[in-house]
C-alpha cells in the first residue's frame, strides 16, 4: 500500500510539473504592466552607442562631427567602417531586443508595436543625451526584423546590393522601406503590421527632415 501511495504522489507531482511548465521552445517573462515594457523599450533605444564610440575612438561628441548625427552612418564616415558597423549592429539590436522583451512578456500586438516605436523614439531623442540623438534607421530595421521578418529579409538583398554598389545610405533605405508594405501584403502579413511597416519608416523620415531642414535666421 505504501508503494502505491508513493507512486500516486509521484504521478501527481509529475502532472503538476508538466501542467505548470511552458510549451517547449517558449520563454515567458513574468507579466509586467504595459507602460513598464514600453518604458524599457525607450530606455534601450536611448543607449547612445554612436556617442560612446565617438568618445572612445575620437575623444569627442559625434554630434559635432560629420553630419552631426548620432547614428551608424555618421559613425561609419567619421570613425571608420569597423566602428560604424558595430554601432549599426548595436542600434539594430536595441530595437530587436525591445520587441522581443514585449513578446516574451505576452503583450498584445499593440503594446509590442508601441514598444518598438518607443525604442526608435529613444534612439532619436535619448534621455541620456539631452534628447538629441540619431535618425533611427538601424533601430527601425531591428524592430521590423522581428515584427515583419520575411518582408524585410526579402528586401534586404537588393538594399544591401545598392549600399555596396552605390555607397548611398539614402538609396538603400528607400529600397528597403518604400516597398515594404507591398511585400508584406504579398506574403500575407497581418494588416496591422503592414500599417506599422509604413508608420515606423515615416518616423525615420520625419526625424531626417527635422535634422536636415535649414535653420531659419531671424533678423531684427
Protein backbone atom coordinates (compact mmCIF):
# COMPACT_ATOMS: atom_id res chain seq x y z
CA UNK A 1 0.00 0.00 0.00
CA UNK A 2 2.83 2.37 0.85
CA UNK A 3 4.39 1.73 -2.56
CA UNK A 4 1.10 2.50 -4.30
CA UNK A 5 0.73 5.72 -2.30
CA UNK A 6 4.26 6.76 -3.22
CA UNK A 7 3.59 6.05 -6.90
CA UNK A 8 0.39 8.10 -6.78
CA UNK A 9 2.23 11.01 -5.16
CA UNK A 10 4.94 10.89 -7.83
CA UNK A 11 2.35 10.80 -10.60
CA UNK A 12 0.50 13.77 -9.07
CA UNK A 13 3.71 15.75 -8.71
CA UNK A 14 4.65 14.97 -12.31
CA UNK A 15 1.26 16.14 -13.54
CA UNK A 16 1.65 19.40 -11.65
CA UNK A 17 5.11 19.97 -13.08
CA UNK A 18 4.03 19.18 -16.63
CA UNK A 19 0.91 21.30 -16.37
CA UNK A 20 2.77 24.28 -14.99
CA UNK A 21 5.68 24.26 -17.42
CA UNK A 22 5.65 26.38 -20.63
CA UNK A 23 5.41 24.82 -24.04
CA UNK A 24 8.71 23.54 -25.47
CA UNK A 25 10.69 26.31 -27.18
CA UNK A 26 8.89 29.18 -25.43
CA UNK A 27 10.27 31.55 -22.84
CA UNK A 28 7.90 33.61 -20.75
CA UNK A 29 8.80 36.59 -18.64
CA UNK A 30 6.75 37.32 -15.56
CA UNK A 31 3.87 39.58 -16.53
CA UNK A 32 4.65 43.28 -16.25
CA UNK A 33 2.46 46.33 -16.92
CA UNK A 34 2.42 47.62 -20.47
CA UNK A 35 3.77 51.05 -19.50
CA UNK A 36 6.86 49.43 -17.99
CA UNK A 37 7.55 47.36 -21.10
CA UNK A 38 7.21 50.46 -23.31
CA UNK A 39 9.47 52.42 -20.95
CA UNK A 40 12.09 49.66 -21.16
CA UNK A 41 11.89 49.93 -24.94
CA UNK A 42 12.52 53.67 -24.77
CA UNK A 43 15.47 53.27 -22.39
CA UNK A 44 17.01 50.57 -24.59
CA UNK A 45 16.68 52.85 -27.59
CA UNK A 46 18.30 55.68 -25.64
CA UNK A 47 21.59 53.80 -25.24
CA UNK A 48 23.91 56.17 -27.18
CA UNK A 49 26.15 53.68 -28.97
CA UNK A 50 27.44 56.15 -31.60
CA UNK A 51 28.17 58.77 -28.92
CA UNK A 52 30.08 56.22 -26.84
CA UNK A 53 32.03 55.10 -29.92
CA UNK A 54 32.87 58.72 -30.70
CA UNK A 55 34.22 59.23 -27.20
CA UNK A 56 36.33 56.06 -27.42
CA UNK A 57 37.68 56.48 -30.96
CA UNK A 58 37.96 60.24 -31.32
CA UNK A 59 37.55 61.51 -27.76
CA UNK A 60 34.68 63.82 -28.73
CA UNK A 61 30.96 64.19 -29.30
CA UNK A 62 29.99 62.59 -32.62
CA UNK A 63 27.11 65.05 -32.82
CA UNK A 64 29.74 67.71 -33.53
CA UNK A 65 31.41 65.67 -36.28
CA UNK A 66 30.43 64.86 -39.85
CA UNK A 67 26.72 65.35 -40.41
CA UNK A 68 26.21 65.80 -36.65
CA UNK A 69 24.06 62.68 -36.48
CA UNK A 70 24.45 60.20 -33.64
CA UNK A 71 23.96 57.10 -35.75
CA UNK A 72 25.69 54.29 -37.60
CA UNK A 73 26.09 56.12 -40.94
CA UNK A 74 27.88 59.07 -39.39
CA UNK A 75 29.95 56.72 -37.25
CA UNK A 76 30.98 54.85 -40.42
CA UNK A 77 32.15 58.04 -42.15
CA UNK A 78 33.73 59.75 -39.13
CA UNK A 79 35.01 56.86 -37.01
CA UNK A 80 35.66 54.25 -39.66
CA UNK A 81 33.91 51.17 -41.09
CA UNK A 82 34.56 48.93 -38.09
CA UNK A 83 33.09 51.40 -35.60
CA UNK A 84 30.21 52.19 -37.94
CA UNK A 85 29.36 48.53 -38.45
CA UNK A 86 29.47 47.83 -34.70
CA UNK A 87 27.28 50.85 -33.94
CA UNK A 88 24.77 49.70 -36.58
CA UNK A 89 24.59 46.20 -35.10
CA UNK A 90 24.10 47.56 -31.58
CA UNK A 91 21.44 50.04 -32.70
CA UNK A 92 19.53 47.33 -34.59
CA UNK A 93 19.89 45.05 -31.57
CA UNK A 94 18.29 47.69 -29.33
CA UNK A 95 15.14 47.70 -31.44
CA UNK A 96 15.00 43.92 -31.81
CA UNK A 97 15.56 43.34 -28.09
CA UNK A 98 12.83 45.79 -27.11
CA UNK A 99 10.29 43.94 -29.27
CA UNK A 100 11.45 40.53 -28.09
CA UNK A 101 11.01 41.58 -24.46
CA UNK A 102 7.47 42.74 -25.19
CA UNK A 103 6.68 39.49 -26.99
CA UNK A 104 8.19 37.37 -24.22
CA UNK A 105 6.05 39.28 -21.71
CA UNK A 106 2.96 38.07 -23.60
CA UNK A 107 1.92 41.60 -24.53
CA UNK A 108 -0.71 42.41 -27.13
CA UNK A 109 0.29 43.33 -30.67
CA UNK A 110 -0.44 46.99 -29.89
CA UNK A 111 1.95 47.03 -26.93
CA UNK A 112 4.61 45.21 -28.96
CA UNK A 113 4.37 47.85 -31.68
CA UNK A 114 4.39 50.74 -29.20
CA UNK A 115 7.47 49.24 -27.56
CA UNK A 116 9.27 49.07 -30.89
CA UNK A 117 8.29 52.65 -31.67
CA UNK A 118 9.48 53.70 -28.20
CA UNK A 119 12.90 52.20 -28.94
CA UNK A 120 13.16 54.26 -32.14
CA UNK A 121 11.99 57.39 -30.31
CA UNK A 122 14.56 56.69 -27.61
CA UNK A 123 17.31 56.48 -30.22
CA UNK A 124 16.19 59.70 -31.90
CA UNK A 125 15.53 61.61 -28.68
CA UNK A 126 17.61 59.86 -26.00
CA UNK A 127 17.16 60.88 -22.40
CA UNK A 128 20.89 60.32 -21.80
CA UNK A 129 21.97 62.91 -24.41
CA UNK A 130 19.57 65.77 -23.80
CA UNK A 131 17.02 64.34 -26.28
CA UNK A 132 19.26 64.83 -29.34
CA UNK A 133 20.28 61.57 -30.97
CA UNK A 134 20.18 59.93 -34.38
CA UNK A 135 17.61 59.30 -37.08
CA UNK A 136 16.64 55.78 -36.08
CA UNK A 137 17.38 53.86 -39.29
CA UNK A 138 19.25 50.94 -37.71
CA UNK A 139 16.90 50.75 -34.72
CA UNK A 140 13.89 50.70 -37.05
CA UNK A 141 15.48 47.87 -39.03
CA UNK A 142 15.93 45.93 -35.79
CA UNK A 143 12.28 46.43 -34.83
CA UNK A 144 10.98 45.45 -38.25
CA UNK A 145 13.30 42.46 -38.38
CA UNK A 146 11.24 40.97 -35.55
CA UNK A 147 7.77 42.24 -36.45
CA UNK A 148 7.79 41.82 -40.26
CA UNK A 149 10.69 39.43 -40.63
CA UNK A 150 10.03 37.83 -44.03
CA UNK A 151 9.26 41.04 -45.98
CA UNK A 152 12.34 42.71 -44.52
CA UNK A 153 14.56 39.75 -45.42
CA UNK A 154 13.26 39.76 -49.00
CA UNK A 155 14.08 43.46 -49.43
CA UNK A 156 17.36 43.28 -47.52
CA UNK A 157 19.10 41.66 -50.52
CA UNK A 158 18.53 44.50 -53.05
CA UNK A 159 19.01 47.13 -50.32
CA UNK A 160 22.40 45.71 -49.36
CA UNK A 161 23.37 45.45 -53.03
CA UNK A 162 22.53 49.13 -53.54
CA UNK A 163 24.51 50.07 -50.44
CA UNK A 164 27.59 48.14 -51.57
CA UNK A 165 27.47 49.32 -55.18
CA UNK A 166 26.33 52.93 -54.81
CA UNK A 167 27.59 53.62 -51.27
CA UNK A 168 24.37 55.54 -50.73
CA UNK A 169 22.54 55.00 -47.43
CA UNK A 170 19.50 57.03 -48.52
CA UNK A 171 19.03 54.92 -51.65
CA UNK A 172 19.43 51.69 -49.68
CA UNK A 173 16.84 52.86 -47.13
CA UNK A 174 14.41 53.77 -49.91
CA UNK A 175 14.76 50.31 -51.45
CA UNK A 176 14.28 48.69 -48.04
CA UNK A 177 11.41 50.77 -46.68
CA UNK A 178 9.37 52.05 -49.64
CA UNK A 179 8.05 48.70 -50.95
CA UNK A 180 7.97 47.02 -47.52
CA UNK A 181 4.20 47.27 -47.10
CA UNK A 182 3.57 45.83 -50.58
CA UNK A 183 5.88 42.89 -49.94
CA UNK A 184 4.17 42.43 -46.58
CA UNK A 185 0.79 42.27 -48.30
CA UNK A 186 2.22 39.84 -50.89
CA UNK A 187 3.38 37.40 -48.19
CA UNK A 188 0.13 37.79 -46.20
CA UNK A 189 1.49 39.78 -43.26
CA UNK A 190 -1.30 40.82 -40.84
CA UNK A 191 -2.77 44.19 -41.75
CA UNK A 192 -1.83 45.89 -38.51
CA UNK A 193 1.85 45.10 -39.09
CA UNK A 194 1.61 46.29 -42.70
CA UNK A 195 0.45 49.66 -41.37
CA UNK A 196 3.27 49.51 -38.83
CA UNK A 197 5.81 48.88 -41.61
CA UNK A 198 4.66 52.17 -43.14
CA UNK A 199 4.42 54.23 -39.96
CA UNK A 200 7.82 53.39 -38.48
CA UNK A 201 9.86 54.39 -41.56
CA UNK A 202 7.75 57.56 -41.71
CA UNK A 203 9.05 58.35 -38.21
CA UNK A 204 12.58 57.96 -39.57
CA UNK A 205 11.77 60.26 -42.47
CA UNK A 206 10.22 62.85 -40.16
CA UNK A 207 13.32 62.80 -37.94
CA UNK A 208 15.54 63.15 -41.00
CA UNK A 209 13.51 66.19 -42.07
CA UNK A 210 13.88 67.79 -38.64
CA UNK A 211 17.64 67.13 -38.61
CA UNK A 212 18.32 68.45 -42.11
CA UNK A 213 15.91 71.36 -42.56
CA UNK A 214 17.71 74.68 -42.88
CA UNK A 215 17.80 76.83 -39.77
CA UNK A 216 15.71 79.97 -40.07
CA UNK A 217 17.63 83.08 -39.11
CA UNK A 218 15.53 85.96 -37.80
CA UNK A 219 16.91 89.42 -38.38
CA UNK A 220 15.59 92.17 -36.14
